[in-house]
């Protein structure tokens, strides 16, 4: 997969993309690669390029890069990293059975984070000692921390809520997967609670994925 790295200002709704000459240029179409865009195949390079306190001047105003969005509301002059991934081949989509098997096989593993990665598979990764500040180009969507005494534990997989929870997590995952293929965005974060966007028909999503494959929109 080819990666591009952007800086985004959510308040004024603009993005800048790193260029081959190490400058940052306005990016009007993040889902496309332009000839002067910096492109890397190496996840480590993309991780190392994410630095706080980069100072950029845009339209005469100074903006400063941050790794995490602050708690305060005033982020007018902050920039945050957005990553985009571009594929040469159509990837196989996530499979609900793999997600269910993951929890059945997890056992009592303690605290874990559920992630859907760019290979189309779900993972229960160990929690790092400190939360990562970086946006990871290997991740499509990162969910939540298990270890609440239920999810991922053998005594819970028999619970009536287990299937409903798996269904919700898969609906979220397949939706973010579709959005990634359309928009090329990486490492989103998903709430574990249901919202209006989760009321999506799985069959409709798969029909859209077939259209994406047929029309080579994933490129």
N, C-alpha and C. Protein backbone atom coordinates (compact mmCIF):
# COMPACT_ATOMS: atom_id res chain seq x y z
N UNK A 1 0.84 -1.19 0.00
CA UNK A 1 0.00 0.00 0.00
C UNK A 1 0.88 1.24 0.00
N UNK A 2 0.46 2.26 -0.74
CA UNK A 2 1.15 3.54 -0.79
C UNK A 2 0.47 4.51 0.17
N UNK A 3 1.28 5.22 0.96
CA UNK A 3 0.75 6.12 1.97
C UNK A 3 1.08 7.57 1.64
N UNK A 4 0.11 8.43 1.91
CA UNK A 4 0.33 9.88 1.89
C UNK A 4 -0.03 10.43 3.26
N UNK A 5 0.59 11.55 3.62
CA UNK A 5 0.37 12.13 4.94
C UNK A 5 -0.10 13.58 4.79
N UNK A 6 -1.18 13.90 5.49
CA UNK A 6 -1.77 15.24 5.44
C UNK A 6 -1.79 15.87 6.82
N UNK A 7 -1.93 17.18 6.85
CA UNK A 7 -2.25 17.93 8.05
C UNK A 7 -3.60 18.59 7.83
N UNK A 8 -4.47 18.45 8.82
CA UNK A 8 -5.85 18.94 8.68
C UNK A 8 -6.17 19.94 9.78
N UNK A 9 -6.87 21.00 9.40
CA UNK A 9 -7.40 21.94 10.38
C UNK A 9 -8.92 21.79 10.40
N UNK A 10 -9.48 21.19 11.47
CA UNK A 10 -10.92 20.93 11.48
C UNK A 10 -11.77 22.18 11.62
N UNK A 11 -11.19 23.22 12.19
CA UNK A 11 -11.98 24.43 12.42
C UNK A 11 -12.23 25.17 11.11
N UNK A 12 -11.18 25.32 10.30
CA UNK A 12 -11.31 26.03 9.03
C UNK A 12 -11.45 25.08 7.85
N UNK A 13 -11.45 23.81 8.15
CA UNK A 13 -11.76 22.77 7.16
C UNK A 13 -10.86 22.83 5.93
N UNK A 14 -9.54 22.73 6.16
CA UNK A 14 -8.62 22.62 5.05
C UNK A 14 -7.56 21.56 5.38
N UNK A 15 -6.94 21.03 4.33
CA UNK A 15 -5.88 20.05 4.49
C UNK A 15 -4.67 20.44 3.67
N UNK A 16 -3.52 20.05 4.19
CA UNK A 16 -2.25 20.21 3.49
C UNK A 16 -1.62 18.84 3.33
N UNK A 17 -0.93 18.62 2.20
CA UNK A 17 -0.27 17.33 1.99
C UNK A 17 1.24 17.53 1.86
N UNK A 18 1.98 16.62 2.48
CA UNK A 18 3.43 16.64 2.37
C UNK A 18 3.84 16.37 0.93
N UNK A 19 4.78 17.21 0.44
CA UNK A 19 5.25 17.10 -0.93
C UNK A 19 6.63 16.44 -0.99
N UNK A 20 7.03 16.07 -2.17
CA UNK A 20 8.31 15.40 -2.36
C UNK A 20 9.49 16.29 -1.97
N UNK A 21 9.31 17.61 -2.02
CA UNK A 21 10.38 18.53 -1.64
C UNK A 21 10.30 18.93 -0.17
N UNK A 22 9.49 18.20 0.63
CA UNK A 22 9.31 18.42 2.07
C UNK A 22 8.47 19.65 2.40
N UNK A 23 7.89 20.29 1.42
CA UNK A 23 6.96 21.38 1.69
C UNK A 23 5.56 20.80 1.90
N UNK A 24 4.63 21.64 2.32
CA UNK A 24 3.23 21.25 2.50
C UNK A 24 2.37 22.08 1.56
N UNK A 25 1.56 21.42 0.75
CA UNK A 25 0.73 22.11 -0.24
C UNK A 25 -0.75 21.85 0.03
N UNK A 26 -1.62 22.79 -0.33
CA UNK A 26 -3.06 22.56 -0.17
C UNK A 26 -3.49 21.29 -0.87
N UNK A 27 -4.36 20.53 -0.21
CA UNK A 27 -4.83 19.25 -0.75
C UNK A 27 -6.34 19.31 -0.86
N UNK A 28 -6.83 19.51 -2.07
CA UNK A 28 -8.26 19.64 -2.30
C UNK A 28 -8.94 18.29 -2.51
N UNK A 29 -8.16 17.28 -2.95
CA UNK A 29 -8.71 15.95 -3.20
C UNK A 29 -7.82 14.91 -2.51
N UNK A 30 -8.04 14.68 -1.23
CA UNK A 30 -7.18 13.75 -0.49
C UNK A 30 -7.19 12.33 -1.03
N UNK A 31 -8.24 11.92 -1.72
CA UNK A 31 -8.35 10.55 -2.22
C UNK A 31 -7.60 10.34 -3.53
N UNK A 32 -6.83 11.34 -3.95
CA UNK A 32 -6.04 11.23 -5.17
C UNK A 32 -4.58 11.54 -4.87
N UNK A 33 -3.67 10.90 -5.61
CA UNK A 33 -2.25 11.19 -5.51
C UNK A 33 -1.86 12.10 -6.67
N UNK A 34 -1.26 13.22 -6.35
CA UNK A 34 -0.75 14.12 -7.38
C UNK A 34 0.74 13.90 -7.58
N UNK A 35 1.24 14.38 -8.69
CA UNK A 35 2.60 14.05 -9.10
C UNK A 35 3.65 14.50 -8.11
N UNK A 36 3.41 15.59 -7.38
CA UNK A 36 4.40 16.12 -6.45
C UNK A 36 4.20 15.64 -5.02
N UNK A 37 3.18 14.82 -4.77
CA UNK A 37 2.90 14.34 -3.41
C UNK A 37 4.00 13.40 -2.94
N UNK A 38 4.35 13.52 -1.66
CA UNK A 38 5.25 12.55 -1.05
C UNK A 38 4.48 11.24 -0.85
N UNK A 39 5.08 10.14 -1.27
CA UNK A 39 4.46 8.82 -1.16
C UNK A 39 5.47 7.86 -0.56
N UNK A 40 5.02 7.03 0.38
CA UNK A 40 5.90 6.02 0.97
C UNK A 40 5.16 4.70 1.07
N UNK A 41 5.93 3.61 0.92
CA UNK A 41 5.40 2.26 1.14
C UNK A 41 5.71 1.78 2.54
N UNK A 42 6.43 2.57 3.32
CA UNK A 42 6.98 2.15 4.61
C UNK A 42 6.19 2.77 5.76
N UNK A 43 5.53 1.92 6.54
CA UNK A 43 4.78 2.39 7.71
C UNK A 43 5.66 3.18 8.67
N UNK A 44 6.89 2.74 8.88
CA UNK A 44 7.77 3.39 9.85
C UNK A 44 8.08 4.83 9.43
N UNK A 45 8.25 5.05 8.14
CA UNK A 45 8.51 6.40 7.65
C UNK A 45 7.32 7.32 7.97
N UNK A 46 6.11 6.82 7.73
CA UNK A 46 4.91 7.62 7.98
C UNK A 46 4.77 7.92 9.47
N UNK A 47 5.10 6.96 10.32
CA UNK A 47 5.03 7.19 11.77
C UNK A 47 6.03 8.26 12.19
N UNK A 48 7.25 8.20 11.64
CA UNK A 48 8.30 9.14 12.05
C UNK A 48 8.02 10.56 11.56
N UNK A 49 7.25 10.69 10.51
CA UNK A 49 6.95 12.01 9.98
C UNK A 49 5.93 12.76 10.83
N UNK A 50 5.27 12.08 11.73
CA UNK A 50 4.27 12.73 12.59
C UNK A 50 4.97 13.37 13.78
N UNK A 51 5.05 14.68 13.75
CA UNK A 51 5.76 15.43 14.77
C UNK A 51 4.90 16.59 15.27
N UNK A 52 4.96 16.82 16.55
CA UNK A 52 4.25 17.97 17.09
C UNK A 52 5.10 19.23 16.92
N UNK A 53 4.42 20.35 16.96
CA UNK A 53 5.04 21.68 16.95
C UNK A 53 5.69 22.04 15.61
N UNK A 54 5.26 21.39 14.52
CA UNK A 54 5.62 21.90 13.21
C UNK A 54 4.85 23.20 12.99
N UNK A 55 5.55 24.24 12.59
CA UNK A 55 4.91 25.55 12.40
C UNK A 55 4.82 25.86 10.91
N UNK A 56 3.58 26.04 10.45
CA UNK A 56 3.34 26.32 9.05
C UNK A 56 2.54 27.61 8.91
N UNK A 57 2.86 28.37 7.87
CA UNK A 57 2.14 29.61 7.60
C UNK A 57 1.17 29.36 6.45
N UNK A 58 -0.11 29.59 6.71
CA UNK A 58 -1.16 29.41 5.70
C UNK A 58 -1.96 30.70 5.62
N UNK A 59 -1.96 31.32 4.45
CA UNK A 59 -2.66 32.59 4.23
C UNK A 59 -2.26 33.63 5.28
N UNK A 60 -0.97 33.65 5.58
CA UNK A 60 -0.45 34.66 6.50
C UNK A 60 -0.63 34.36 7.97
N UNK A 61 -1.24 33.21 8.30
CA UNK A 61 -1.47 32.86 9.70
C UNK A 61 -0.64 31.63 10.08
N UNK A 62 -0.19 31.57 11.32
CA UNK A 62 0.67 30.50 11.80
C UNK A 62 -0.18 29.38 12.39
N UNK A 63 0.08 28.16 11.95
CA UNK A 63 -0.58 26.97 12.46
C UNK A 63 0.48 26.02 13.02
N UNK A 64 0.09 25.25 14.05
CA UNK A 64 1.04 24.37 14.74
C UNK A 64 0.48 22.95 14.75
N UNK A 65 1.31 21.99 14.39
CA UNK A 65 0.87 20.59 14.36
C UNK A 65 0.79 20.00 15.76
N UNK A 66 -0.19 19.13 15.96
CA UNK A 66 -0.37 18.40 17.21
C UNK A 66 -0.56 16.93 16.88
N UNK A 67 -0.23 16.05 17.84
CA UNK A 67 -0.43 14.62 17.63
C UNK A 67 -1.81 14.18 18.08
N UNK A 68 -2.33 14.80 19.13
CA UNK A 68 -3.65 14.47 19.64
C UNK A 68 -4.50 15.72 19.69
N UNK A 69 -5.78 15.56 19.40
CA UNK A 69 -6.68 16.71 19.50
C UNK A 69 -6.85 17.09 20.97
N UNK A 70 -6.74 18.37 21.30
CA UNK A 70 -6.83 18.80 22.70
C UNK A 70 -8.25 18.71 23.24
N UNK A 71 -8.35 18.73 24.56
CA UNK A 71 -9.66 18.69 25.20
C UNK A 71 -10.41 20.01 25.03
N UNK A 72 -9.65 21.11 24.98
CA UNK A 72 -10.31 22.40 24.86
C UNK A 72 -10.92 22.56 23.47
N UNK A 73 -11.88 23.48 23.39
CA UNK A 73 -12.61 23.66 22.16
C UNK A 73 -11.83 24.48 21.12
N UNK A 74 -10.93 25.35 21.56
CA UNK A 74 -10.26 26.26 20.65
C UNK A 74 -9.08 25.59 19.97
N UNK A 75 -9.34 25.04 18.78
CA UNK A 75 -8.25 24.44 18.00
C UNK A 75 -8.11 25.14 16.66
N UNK A 76 -8.40 26.44 16.66
CA UNK A 76 -8.41 27.23 15.43
C UNK A 76 -7.09 27.15 14.69
N UNK A 77 -5.99 27.14 15.41
CA UNK A 77 -4.67 27.20 14.78
C UNK A 77 -3.86 25.92 15.00
N UNK A 78 -4.56 24.83 15.21
CA UNK A 78 -3.90 23.53 15.34
C UNK A 78 -4.09 22.72 14.06
N UNK A 79 -3.12 21.88 13.76
CA UNK A 79 -3.18 20.96 12.63
C UNK A 79 -3.00 19.54 13.14
N UNK A 80 -3.78 18.60 12.59
CA UNK A 80 -3.72 17.20 13.02
C UNK A 80 -3.43 16.32 11.82
N UNK A 81 -2.75 15.22 12.07
CA UNK A 81 -2.32 14.34 10.98
C UNK A 81 -3.45 13.45 10.50
N UNK A 82 -3.61 13.40 9.20
CA UNK A 82 -4.51 12.48 8.53
C UNK A 82 -3.68 11.63 7.58
N UNK A 83 -3.96 10.33 7.56
CA UNK A 83 -3.23 9.43 6.66
C UNK A 83 -4.17 8.87 5.61
N UNK A 84 -3.61 8.62 4.42
CA UNK A 84 -4.39 8.08 3.32
C UNK A 84 -3.62 6.93 2.70
N UNK A 85 -4.35 5.84 2.39
CA UNK A 85 -3.72 4.64 1.83
C UNK A 85 -4.29 4.30 0.46
N UNK A 86 -3.41 4.01 -0.48
CA UNK A 86 -3.79 3.75 -1.87
C UNK A 86 -3.33 2.35 -2.26
N UNK A 87 -4.24 1.58 -2.86
CA UNK A 87 -3.99 0.18 -3.18
C UNK A 87 -3.84 -0.02 -4.68
N UNK A 88 -3.07 -1.03 -5.03
CA UNK A 88 -2.93 -1.43 -6.44
C UNK A 88 -3.87 -2.57 -6.80
N UNK A 89 -4.34 -3.32 -5.78
CA UNK A 89 -5.23 -4.45 -6.00
C UNK A 89 -6.41 -4.37 -5.05
N UNK A 90 -7.53 -4.92 -5.49
CA UNK A 90 -8.72 -4.93 -4.64
C UNK A 90 -8.51 -5.91 -3.48
N UNK A 91 -8.72 -5.46 -2.24
CA UNK A 91 -8.52 -6.34 -1.08
C UNK A 91 -9.80 -7.10 -0.72
N UNK A 92 -9.63 -8.27 -0.18
CA UNK A 92 -10.78 -9.01 0.31
C UNK A 92 -11.37 -8.31 1.53
N UNK A 93 -12.69 -8.18 1.60
CA UNK A 93 -13.31 -7.44 2.71
C UNK A 93 -13.30 -8.25 4.01
N UNK A 94 -13.54 -7.59 5.14
CA UNK A 94 -13.63 -8.29 6.42
C UNK A 94 -14.74 -9.34 6.42
N UNK A 95 -14.55 -10.35 7.26
CA UNK A 95 -15.51 -11.45 7.38
C UNK A 95 -16.00 -11.50 8.82
N UNK A 96 -17.31 -11.53 8.99
CA UNK A 96 -17.89 -11.52 10.32
C UNK A 96 -17.47 -12.74 11.14
N UNK A 97 -17.36 -13.90 10.50
CA UNK A 97 -16.99 -15.12 11.22
C UNK A 97 -15.60 -14.98 11.84
N UNK A 98 -14.70 -14.30 11.15
CA UNK A 98 -13.35 -14.12 11.70
C UNK A 98 -13.39 -13.28 12.97
N UNK A 99 -14.25 -12.25 13.00
CA UNK A 99 -14.41 -11.43 14.20
C UNK A 99 -14.97 -12.26 15.35
N UNK A 100 -15.99 -13.05 15.06
CA UNK A 100 -16.60 -13.89 16.10
C UNK A 100 -15.59 -14.91 16.63
N UNK A 101 -14.86 -15.56 15.73
CA UNK A 101 -13.86 -16.54 16.15
C UNK A 101 -12.78 -15.90 17.01
N UNK A 102 -12.44 -14.65 16.70
CA UNK A 102 -11.41 -13.95 17.46
C UNK A 102 -11.79 -13.85 18.92
N UNK A 103 -13.04 -13.52 19.20
CA UNK A 103 -13.49 -13.40 20.58
C UNK A 103 -13.64 -14.77 21.24
N UNK A 104 -14.10 -15.75 20.50
CA UNK A 104 -14.22 -17.09 21.07
C UNK A 104 -12.86 -17.63 21.48
N UNK A 105 -11.84 -17.32 20.70
CA UNK A 105 -10.51 -17.86 20.95
C UNK A 105 -9.70 -17.01 21.91
N UNK A 106 -10.20 -15.82 22.24
CA UNK A 106 -9.39 -14.89 23.03
C UNK A 106 -9.16 -15.38 24.45
N UNK A 107 -10.19 -15.95 25.07
CA UNK A 107 -10.05 -16.36 26.46
C UNK A 107 -9.85 -15.14 27.35
N UNK A 108 -9.21 -15.36 28.48
CA UNK A 108 -8.98 -14.31 29.46
C UNK A 108 -7.63 -13.67 29.16
N UNK A 109 -7.61 -12.74 28.23
CA UNK A 109 -6.36 -12.10 27.81
C UNK A 109 -6.14 -10.75 28.48
N UNK A 110 -7.04 -10.34 29.35
CA UNK A 110 -6.90 -9.04 29.98
C UNK A 110 -7.32 -7.93 29.04
N UNK A 111 -6.78 -6.75 29.28
CA UNK A 111 -7.18 -5.59 28.51
C UNK A 111 -6.63 -5.67 27.08
N UNK A 112 -7.51 -5.41 26.12
CA UNK A 112 -7.15 -5.48 24.70
C UNK A 112 -7.85 -4.36 23.94
N UNK A 113 -7.32 -4.06 22.76
CA UNK A 113 -7.97 -3.13 21.84
C UNK A 113 -8.36 -3.87 20.58
N UNK A 114 -9.60 -3.70 20.17
CA UNK A 114 -10.07 -4.29 18.93
C UNK A 114 -9.76 -3.34 17.78
N UNK A 115 -9.12 -3.89 16.73
CA UNK A 115 -8.76 -3.09 15.57
C UNK A 115 -9.08 -3.86 14.30
N UNK A 116 -9.51 -3.14 13.30
CA UNK A 116 -9.60 -3.67 11.94
C UNK A 116 -8.44 -3.08 11.16
N UNK A 117 -7.61 -3.94 10.60
CA UNK A 117 -6.40 -3.45 9.94
C UNK A 117 -6.53 -3.53 8.42
N UNK A 118 -5.52 -3.02 7.75
CA UNK A 118 -5.59 -2.86 6.30
C UNK A 118 -5.59 -4.19 5.56
N UNK A 119 -5.27 -5.30 6.24
CA UNK A 119 -5.35 -6.61 5.59
C UNK A 119 -6.76 -7.19 5.63
N UNK A 120 -7.71 -6.42 6.21
CA UNK A 120 -9.11 -6.85 6.24
C UNK A 120 -9.44 -7.78 7.39
N UNK A 121 -8.54 -7.93 8.36
CA UNK A 121 -8.76 -8.81 9.49
C UNK A 121 -8.87 -8.00 10.78
N UNK A 122 -9.64 -8.57 11.72
CA UNK A 122 -9.78 -7.98 13.05
C UNK A 122 -8.70 -8.54 13.97
N UNK A 123 -8.26 -7.70 14.90
CA UNK A 123 -7.23 -8.09 15.86
C UNK A 123 -7.60 -7.59 17.26
N UNK A 124 -7.23 -8.37 18.27
CA UNK A 124 -7.28 -7.92 19.65
C UNK A 124 -5.85 -7.71 20.11
N UNK A 125 -5.38 -6.47 20.01
CA UNK A 125 -3.99 -6.16 20.31
C UNK A 125 -3.81 -5.80 21.78
N UNK A 126 -2.67 -6.17 22.38
CA UNK A 126 -2.38 -5.75 23.75
C UNK A 126 -2.33 -4.23 23.85
N UNK A 127 -2.75 -3.73 25.00
CA UNK A 127 -2.65 -2.30 25.23
C UNK A 127 -1.20 -1.92 25.51
N UNK A 128 -0.69 -0.85 24.90
CA UNK A 128 0.65 -0.38 25.24
C UNK A 128 0.66 0.24 26.63
N UNK A 129 1.83 0.37 27.25
CA UNK A 129 1.91 0.99 28.58
C UNK A 129 1.31 2.40 28.61
N UNK A 130 1.52 3.14 27.51
CA UNK A 130 0.94 4.47 27.36
C UNK A 130 0.20 4.53 26.04
N UNK A 131 -0.93 5.22 26.00
CA UNK A 131 -1.66 5.34 24.74
C UNK A 131 -0.79 5.97 23.65
N UNK A 132 -0.87 5.44 22.46
CA UNK A 132 -0.09 5.98 21.35
C UNK A 132 -0.66 7.31 20.90
N UNK A 133 0.23 8.24 20.61
CA UNK A 133 -0.19 9.54 20.09
C UNK A 133 -0.23 9.57 18.57
N UNK A 134 0.22 8.50 17.95
CA UNK A 134 0.42 8.52 16.51
C UNK A 134 -0.75 7.88 15.76
N UNK A 135 -0.95 8.34 14.55
CA UNK A 135 -1.91 7.74 13.65
C UNK A 135 -1.21 6.62 12.89
N UNK A 136 -1.75 5.41 12.97
CA UNK A 136 -1.07 4.23 12.44
C UNK A 136 -1.63 3.87 11.07
N UNK A 137 -0.79 3.85 10.03
CA UNK A 137 -1.30 3.56 8.69
C UNK A 137 -1.69 2.10 8.47
N UNK A 138 -1.44 1.22 9.43
CA UNK A 138 -1.88 -0.17 9.30
C UNK A 138 -3.31 -0.38 9.79
N UNK A 139 -3.92 0.65 10.37
CA UNK A 139 -5.23 0.50 11.00
C UNK A 139 -6.31 1.20 10.17
N UNK A 140 -7.41 0.49 9.94
CA UNK A 140 -8.59 1.10 9.33
C UNK A 140 -9.44 1.77 10.41
N UNK A 141 -9.77 1.02 11.45
CA UNK A 141 -10.55 1.58 12.55
C UNK A 141 -10.13 0.90 13.85
N UNK A 142 -10.04 1.69 14.89
CA UNK A 142 -9.69 1.23 16.23
C UNK A 142 -10.92 1.41 17.12
N UNK A 143 -11.30 0.36 17.83
CA UNK A 143 -12.56 0.38 18.55
C UNK A 143 -12.44 0.79 20.00
N UNK A 144 -12.00 -0.12 20.85
CA UNK A 144 -12.24 0.07 22.27
C UNK A 144 -11.31 -0.83 23.06
N UNK A 145 -11.33 -0.69 24.37
CA UNK A 145 -10.56 -1.55 25.25
C UNK A 145 -11.48 -2.64 25.82
N UNK A 146 -11.13 -3.88 25.56
CA UNK A 146 -11.87 -4.95 26.22
C UNK A 146 -11.28 -5.14 27.60
N UNK A 147 -11.82 -6.06 28.33
CA UNK A 147 -11.34 -6.29 29.68
C UNK A 147 -12.31 -5.75 30.71
N UNK A 148 -13.56 -5.53 30.28
CA UNK A 148 -14.56 -5.05 31.23
C UNK A 148 -15.21 -6.22 31.97
N UNK A 149 -14.58 -7.40 31.88
CA UNK A 149 -15.14 -8.57 32.52
C UNK A 149 -16.08 -9.33 31.62
N UNK A 150 -16.26 -8.87 30.40
CA UNK A 150 -17.22 -9.50 29.50
C UNK A 150 -16.60 -9.84 28.15
N UNK A 151 -16.45 -8.83 27.29
CA UNK A 151 -16.06 -9.10 25.91
C UNK A 151 -14.67 -9.75 25.87
N UNK A 152 -14.62 -10.85 25.15
CA UNK A 152 -13.35 -11.57 25.01
C UNK A 152 -13.15 -12.65 26.05
N UNK A 153 -14.08 -12.78 26.96
CA UNK A 153 -13.95 -13.77 28.02
C UNK A 153 -14.86 -14.95 27.75
N UNK A 154 -14.42 -16.13 28.13
CA UNK A 154 -15.16 -17.35 27.81
C UNK A 154 -16.56 -17.35 28.40
N UNK A 155 -16.73 -16.73 29.57
CA UNK A 155 -18.04 -16.79 30.21
C UNK A 155 -19.04 -15.84 29.57
N UNK A 156 -18.57 -15.05 28.62
CA UNK A 156 -19.47 -14.08 28.00
C UNK A 156 -19.94 -14.51 26.62
N UNK A 157 -19.18 -15.34 25.96
CA UNK A 157 -19.55 -15.71 24.59
C UNK A 157 -20.86 -16.48 24.54
N UNK A 158 -21.31 -17.00 25.67
CA UNK A 158 -22.59 -17.70 25.71
C UNK A 158 -23.74 -16.77 26.02
N UNK A 159 -23.43 -15.51 26.34
CA UNK A 159 -24.46 -14.55 26.71
C UNK A 159 -25.28 -14.17 25.48
N UNK A 160 -26.55 -13.85 25.72
CA UNK A 160 -27.43 -13.50 24.60
C UNK A 160 -26.99 -12.22 23.91
N UNK A 161 -26.27 -11.35 24.62
CA UNK A 161 -25.83 -10.09 24.03
C UNK A 161 -24.60 -10.24 23.16
N UNK A 162 -23.95 -11.38 23.23
CA UNK A 162 -22.70 -11.54 22.49
C UNK A 162 -22.92 -11.37 20.99
N UNK A 163 -23.91 -12.05 20.44
CA UNK A 163 -24.16 -11.98 19.00
C UNK A 163 -24.52 -10.56 18.57
N UNK A 164 -25.29 -9.87 19.40
CA UNK A 164 -25.66 -8.49 19.08
C UNK A 164 -24.43 -7.59 19.07
N UNK A 165 -23.54 -7.84 20.02
CA UNK A 165 -22.33 -7.01 20.09
C UNK A 165 -21.43 -7.28 18.88
N UNK A 166 -21.26 -8.53 18.52
CA UNK A 166 -20.46 -8.88 17.35
C UNK A 166 -21.05 -8.25 16.10
N UNK A 167 -22.38 -8.31 16.00
CA UNK A 167 -23.05 -7.74 14.84
C UNK A 167 -22.80 -6.24 14.74
N UNK A 168 -22.86 -5.54 15.88
CA UNK A 168 -22.62 -4.10 15.89
C UNK A 168 -21.18 -3.78 15.50
N UNK A 169 -20.21 -4.51 16.09
CA UNK A 169 -18.81 -4.25 15.78
C UNK A 169 -18.51 -4.52 14.30
N UNK A 170 -19.15 -5.55 13.75
CA UNK A 170 -18.91 -5.86 12.35
C UNK A 170 -19.53 -4.79 11.45
N UNK A 171 -20.74 -4.35 11.79
CA UNK A 171 -21.38 -3.31 11.00
C UNK A 171 -20.50 -2.06 10.95
N UNK A 172 -19.95 -1.71 12.10
CA UNK A 172 -19.05 -0.55 12.13
C UNK A 172 -17.83 -0.81 11.26
N UNK A 173 -17.24 -2.00 11.40
CA UNK A 173 -16.02 -2.31 10.68
C UNK A 173 -16.21 -2.30 9.17
N UNK A 174 -17.29 -2.92 8.70
CA UNK A 174 -17.50 -3.02 7.25
C UNK A 174 -17.83 -1.64 6.67
N UNK A 175 -18.45 -0.80 7.47
CA UNK A 175 -18.74 0.56 7.01
C UNK A 175 -17.45 1.37 6.88
N UNK A 176 -16.60 1.27 7.90
CA UNK A 176 -15.32 1.98 7.82
C UNK A 176 -14.45 1.42 6.70
N UNK A 177 -14.55 0.12 6.44
CA UNK A 177 -13.79 -0.50 5.35
C UNK A 177 -14.25 0.07 4.00
N UNK A 178 -15.56 0.15 3.81
CA UNK A 178 -16.08 0.75 2.58
C UNK A 178 -15.61 2.19 2.43
N UNK A 179 -15.69 2.97 3.51
CA UNK A 179 -15.28 4.37 3.46
C UNK A 179 -13.80 4.50 3.14
N UNK A 180 -13.00 3.58 3.66
CA UNK A 180 -11.57 3.59 3.36
C UNK A 180 -11.32 3.38 1.86
N UNK A 181 -12.01 2.43 1.26
CA UNK A 181 -11.82 2.18 -0.16
C UNK A 181 -12.29 3.35 -1.02
N UNK A 182 -13.32 4.05 -0.54
CA UNK A 182 -13.83 5.20 -1.28
C UNK A 182 -12.97 6.44 -1.08
N UNK A 183 -12.60 6.70 0.18
CA UNK A 183 -11.96 7.96 0.54
C UNK A 183 -10.48 7.83 0.86
N UNK A 184 -9.98 6.59 1.00
CA UNK A 184 -8.57 6.28 1.25
C UNK A 184 -8.10 6.64 2.66
N UNK A 185 -9.00 7.05 3.54
CA UNK A 185 -8.61 7.45 4.88
C UNK A 185 -8.25 6.25 5.74
N UNK A 186 -7.36 6.47 6.71
CA UNK A 186 -6.84 5.42 7.59
C UNK A 186 -6.97 5.82 9.05
N UNK A 187 -6.97 4.82 9.91
CA UNK A 187 -6.96 4.94 11.37
C UNK A 187 -8.05 5.88 11.90
N UNK A 188 -9.28 5.44 11.71
CA UNK A 188 -10.41 6.11 12.33
C UNK A 188 -10.65 5.49 13.71
N UNK A 189 -11.47 6.16 14.51
CA UNK A 189 -11.84 5.65 15.83
C UNK A 189 -13.35 5.50 15.90
N UNK A 190 -13.81 4.37 16.46
CA UNK A 190 -15.24 4.08 16.50
C UNK A 190 -15.71 3.91 17.93
N UNK A 191 -16.85 4.48 18.22
CA UNK A 191 -17.48 4.26 19.51
C UNK A 191 -18.05 2.85 19.57
N UNK A 192 -18.10 2.29 20.77
CA UNK A 192 -18.67 0.95 20.93
C UNK A 192 -20.19 0.99 21.04
N UNK A 193 -20.74 2.17 21.15
CA UNK A 193 -22.20 2.27 21.24
C UNK A 193 -22.78 2.50 19.86
N UNK A 194 -24.03 2.11 19.71
CA UNK A 194 -24.69 2.23 18.42
C UNK A 194 -25.05 3.68 18.14
N UNK A 195 -25.02 4.05 16.86
CA UNK A 195 -25.50 5.35 16.44
C UNK A 195 -26.24 5.21 15.12
N UNK A 196 -26.74 6.31 14.61
CA UNK A 196 -27.59 6.25 13.41
C UNK A 196 -26.85 5.68 12.20
N UNK A 197 -25.52 5.83 12.18
CA UNK A 197 -24.76 5.34 11.03
C UNK A 197 -24.61 3.81 11.04
N UNK A 198 -24.92 3.20 12.19
CA UNK A 198 -24.80 1.75 12.28
C UNK A 198 -26.05 1.03 11.76
N UNK A 199 -27.10 1.79 11.48
CA UNK A 199 -28.33 1.19 10.94
C UNK A 199 -28.19 1.01 9.43
N UNK A 200 -27.17 0.27 9.07
CA UNK A 200 -26.85 0.08 7.66
C UNK A 200 -27.08 -1.39 7.31
N UNK A 201 -27.61 -1.60 6.12
CA UNK A 201 -27.86 -2.97 5.67
C UNK A 201 -26.55 -3.57 5.16
N UNK A 202 -26.16 -4.70 5.74
CA UNK A 202 -24.90 -5.33 5.35
C UNK A 202 -24.89 -5.68 3.87
N UNK A 203 -26.01 -6.16 3.37
CA UNK A 203 -26.08 -6.52 1.95
C UNK A 203 -25.85 -5.30 1.05
N UNK A 204 -26.35 -4.16 1.50
CA UNK A 204 -26.12 -2.93 0.73
C UNK A 204 -24.64 -2.58 0.69
N UNK A 205 -23.98 -2.74 1.83
CA UNK A 205 -22.54 -2.47 1.89
C UNK A 205 -21.79 -3.38 0.91
N UNK A 206 -22.14 -4.67 0.90
CA UNK A 206 -21.46 -5.60 0.01
C UNK A 206 -21.73 -5.28 -1.46
N UNK A 207 -22.93 -4.80 -1.76
CA UNK A 207 -23.22 -4.37 -3.13
C UNK A 207 -22.34 -3.18 -3.50
N UNK A 208 -22.16 -2.26 -2.56
CA UNK A 208 -21.29 -1.12 -2.81
C UNK A 208 -19.85 -1.57 -3.00
N UNK A 209 -19.41 -2.57 -2.23
CA UNK A 209 -18.05 -3.07 -2.38
C UNK A 209 -17.85 -3.71 -3.75
N UNK A 210 -18.87 -4.42 -4.23
CA UNK A 210 -18.77 -5.00 -5.57
C UNK A 210 -18.64 -3.91 -6.63
N UNK A 211 -19.36 -2.81 -6.44
CA UNK A 211 -19.27 -1.69 -7.37
C UNK A 211 -17.88 -1.05 -7.30
N UNK A 212 -17.35 -0.94 -6.09
CA UNK A 212 -16.01 -0.38 -5.92
C UNK A 212 -14.98 -1.24 -6.65
N UNK A 213 -15.13 -2.57 -6.52
CA UNK A 213 -14.19 -3.48 -7.20
C UNK A 213 -14.35 -3.38 -8.72
N UNK A 214 -15.60 -3.42 -9.20
CA UNK A 214 -15.85 -3.41 -10.64
C UNK A 214 -15.33 -2.14 -11.30
N UNK A 215 -15.53 -1.02 -10.62
CA UNK A 215 -15.15 0.27 -11.20
C UNK A 215 -13.75 0.72 -10.77
N UNK A 216 -13.05 -0.15 -10.05
CA UNK A 216 -11.67 0.10 -9.64
C UNK A 216 -11.52 1.41 -8.88
N UNK A 217 -12.50 1.69 -8.02
CA UNK A 217 -12.48 2.93 -7.24
C UNK A 217 -11.43 2.85 -6.14
N UNK A 218 -11.02 1.64 -5.78
CA UNK A 218 -10.04 1.46 -4.70
C UNK A 218 -8.65 1.95 -5.09
N UNK A 219 -8.40 2.19 -6.36
CA UNK A 219 -7.07 2.61 -6.83
C UNK A 219 -6.78 4.05 -6.39
